Amino acid sequence: MNIHDEEMQKNLEAGRPASGDEVDVKAYRHVFDALRQEPEFVLPHTFASRVVRALVQQQTEKTTVREYVWFGVGIVLLFAAFIAAIVLTGFKFDIGVFSAIKSYKGLFLFAIVFITFLHFLDRRLLRNKRTAN
C-alpha cells in the first residue's frame, strides 16, 4: 500500500472527497461499505465449544504419542536397571523367603473376600454418585 492509497483511505473514512483515479475511489468506497455491514451468516451457539473440543482432541493425540515414547523409554531403563542390579549384586532367587507365611492361609482368604467386598461396595455406592454429577 503506497502513500497515495493511505491518503485516499483516510479521506474516505473521514467522509471527505478522495483524490485519485475514479476507479480506485469507487473500489475503496465499495470495500469500506461492505466492511460497515454486518455479515449475513450467524455462527451456531456450539461453534466455540466444537472448536475447543477439536483443539483438545488434537492436543490429546499429540500428547498420547509422546507419552507412549516416554513410557517405552522408562520401561527399557527400568529393565536395564533390573538386569544391572542382578548382575552387580549376585542375586539368586530363592522361594524359601515365602515359607514363613505358609501358615497364614486363613488371613489370605479373609483378605481376598474383604477386598472383593470393598470393590463391590465401591461399584454400588460410590461410582454411581460420581457418574450422576
Protein backbone atom coordinates (compact mmCIF):
# COMPACT_ATOMS: atom_id res chain seq x y z
CA MET A 1 0.00 0.00 0.00
CA ASN A 2 1.60 3.26 -1.05
CA ILE A 3 1.20 6.76 0.42
CA HIS A 4 -1.47 7.71 -2.13
CA ASP A 5 -3.62 4.71 -1.12
CA GLU A 6 -3.29 5.51 2.57
CA GLU A 7 -4.27 9.15 1.97
CA MET A 8 -7.29 8.04 -0.09
CA GLN A 9 -8.32 5.62 2.66
CA LYS A 10 -8.09 8.33 5.37
CA ASN A 11 -10.10 10.79 3.27
CA LEU A 12 -12.85 8.23 2.61
CA GLU A 13 -13.01 7.22 6.29
CA ALA A 14 -13.29 10.89 7.29
CA GLY A 15 -16.05 11.50 4.74
CA ARG A 16 -14.01 13.92 2.63
CA PRO A 17 -13.79 13.61 -1.13
CA ALA A 18 -10.89 11.42 -2.12
CA SER A 19 -8.40 12.48 -4.74
CA GLY A 20 -7.14 10.00 -7.27
CA ASP A 21 -8.29 7.74 -10.03
CA GLU A 22 -12.09 7.39 -10.09
CA VAL A 23 -11.85 3.59 -10.34
CA ASP A 24 -9.69 3.40 -7.22
CA VAL A 25 -12.03 5.69 -5.30
CA LYS A 26 -15.05 3.56 -6.27
CA ALA A 27 -13.20 0.39 -5.30
CA TYR A 28 -12.22 1.78 -1.90
CA ARG A 29 -15.77 3.05 -1.32
CA HIS A 30 -17.19 -0.37 -2.23
CA VAL A 31 -14.78 -2.14 0.15
CA PHE A 32 -15.50 0.22 3.06
CA ASP A 33 -19.27 0.00 2.51
CA ALA A 34 -19.00 -3.78 2.60
CA LEU A 35 -16.95 -3.67 5.79
CA ARG A 36 -19.51 -1.47 7.56
CA GLN A 37 -22.30 -4.00 7.02
CA GLU A 38 -22.88 -6.90 9.38
CA PRO A 39 -22.20 -10.32 7.87
CA GLU A 40 -25.24 -12.25 6.71
CA PHE A 41 -24.31 -15.52 8.37
CA VAL A 42 -24.53 -16.37 12.07
CA LEU A 43 -22.36 -18.94 13.78
CA PRO A 44 -24.16 -21.68 15.72
CA HIS A 45 -24.14 -21.44 19.50
CA THR A 46 -22.00 -24.56 19.77
CA PHE A 47 -19.28 -23.28 17.42
CA ALA A 48 -16.86 -22.25 20.17
CA SER A 49 -17.25 -25.49 22.08
CA ARG A 50 -16.70 -27.51 18.89
CA VAL A 51 -13.50 -25.60 18.13
CA VAL A 52 -12.22 -26.10 21.68
CA ARG A 53 -13.14 -29.80 21.56
CA ALA A 54 -11.27 -30.23 18.27
CA LEU A 55 -8.19 -28.45 19.66
CA VAL A 56 -8.22 -30.55 22.83
CA GLN A 57 -8.61 -33.75 20.82
CA GLN A 58 -5.74 -32.75 18.55
CA GLN A 59 -3.55 -31.90 21.56
CA THR A 60 -4.52 -35.20 23.23
CA GLU A 61 -3.47 -37.17 20.15
CA LYS A 62 -0.07 -35.43 20.12
CA THR A 63 0.36 -35.94 23.85
CA THR A 64 -0.55 -39.63 23.61
CA VAL A 65 2.27 -40.40 21.16
CA ARG A 66 4.76 -38.51 23.32
CA GLU A 67 3.55 -40.32 26.43
CA TYR A 68 3.95 -43.72 24.76
CA VAL A 69 7.51 -42.85 23.78
CA TRP A 70 8.40 -41.79 27.34
CA PHE A 71 6.63 -44.86 28.73
CA GLY A 72 8.69 -47.11 26.45
CA VAL A 73 11.92 -45.34 27.41
CA GLY A 74 11.02 -45.75 31.08
CA ILE A 75 10.35 -49.47 30.70
CA VAL A 76 13.65 -50.02 28.87
CA LEU A 77 15.59 -48.09 31.53
CA LEU A 78 13.79 -49.93 34.33
CA PHE A 79 14.59 -53.28 32.76
CA ALA A 80 18.24 -52.25 32.29
CA ALA A 81 18.46 -51.19 35.95
CA PHE A 82 16.90 -54.54 36.97
CA ILE A 83 19.47 -56.51 34.98
CA ALA A 84 22.34 -54.36 36.28
CA ALA A 85 21.21 -54.83 39.88
CA ILE A 86 21.02 -58.62 39.46
CA VAL A 87 24.45 -58.81 37.82
CA LEU A 88 26.22 -56.45 40.24
CA THR A 89 24.78 -57.94 43.45
CA GLY A 90 24.91 -61.60 42.52
CA PHE A 91 21.21 -62.05 43.38
CA LYS A 92 19.89 -65.61 43.44
CA PHE A 93 16.14 -66.16 43.51
CA ASP A 94 15.01 -68.37 46.42
CA ILE A 95 11.38 -69.26 47.11
CA GLY A 96 12.25 -70.02 50.74
CA VAL A 97 11.53 -66.41 51.64
CA PHE A 98 7.82 -67.16 51.50
CA SER A 99 7.95 -70.24 53.74
CA ALA A 100 7.17 -68.09 56.82
CA ILE A 101 3.75 -67.11 55.51
CA LYS A 102 2.50 -70.62 54.73
CA SER A 103 0.58 -70.74 57.99
CA TYR A 104 -1.50 -67.63 57.16
CA LYS A 105 -3.88 -69.27 54.66
CA GLY A 106 -6.94 -68.05 56.59
CA LEU A 107 -5.66 -64.49 56.62
CA PHE A 108 -5.14 -64.55 52.84
CA LEU A 109 -8.64 -65.95 52.29
CA PHE A 110 -10.12 -63.21 54.52
CA ALA A 111 -8.12 -60.54 52.64
CA ILE A 112 -9.39 -61.74 49.26
CA VAL A 113 -13.03 -61.81 50.46
CA PHE A 114 -12.70 -58.39 52.15
CA ILE A 115 -11.12 -56.73 49.12
CA THR A 116 -13.82 -58.21 46.89
CA PHE A 117 -16.49 -56.86 49.24
CA LEU A 118 -14.93 -53.38 49.23
CA HIS A 119 -14.78 -53.45 45.44
CA PHE A 120 -18.47 -54.38 45.31
CA LEU A 121 -19.35 -51.50 47.69
CA ASP A 122 -17.30 -49.07 45.63
CA ARG A 123 -19.13 -50.10 42.46
CA ARG A 124 -22.59 -49.92 44.02
CA LEU A 125 -22.34 -46.83 46.21
CA LEU A 126 -19.55 -44.51 45.16
CA ARG A 127 -19.22 -44.85 41.40
CA ASN A 128 -22.95 -44.26 40.80
CA LYS A 129 -22.71 -40.95 42.68
CA ARG A 130 -19.66 -39.90 40.63
CA THR A 131 -21.37 -40.56 37.30
CA ALA A 132 -24.52 -38.70 38.40
CA ASN A 133 -22.53 -35.47 38.87
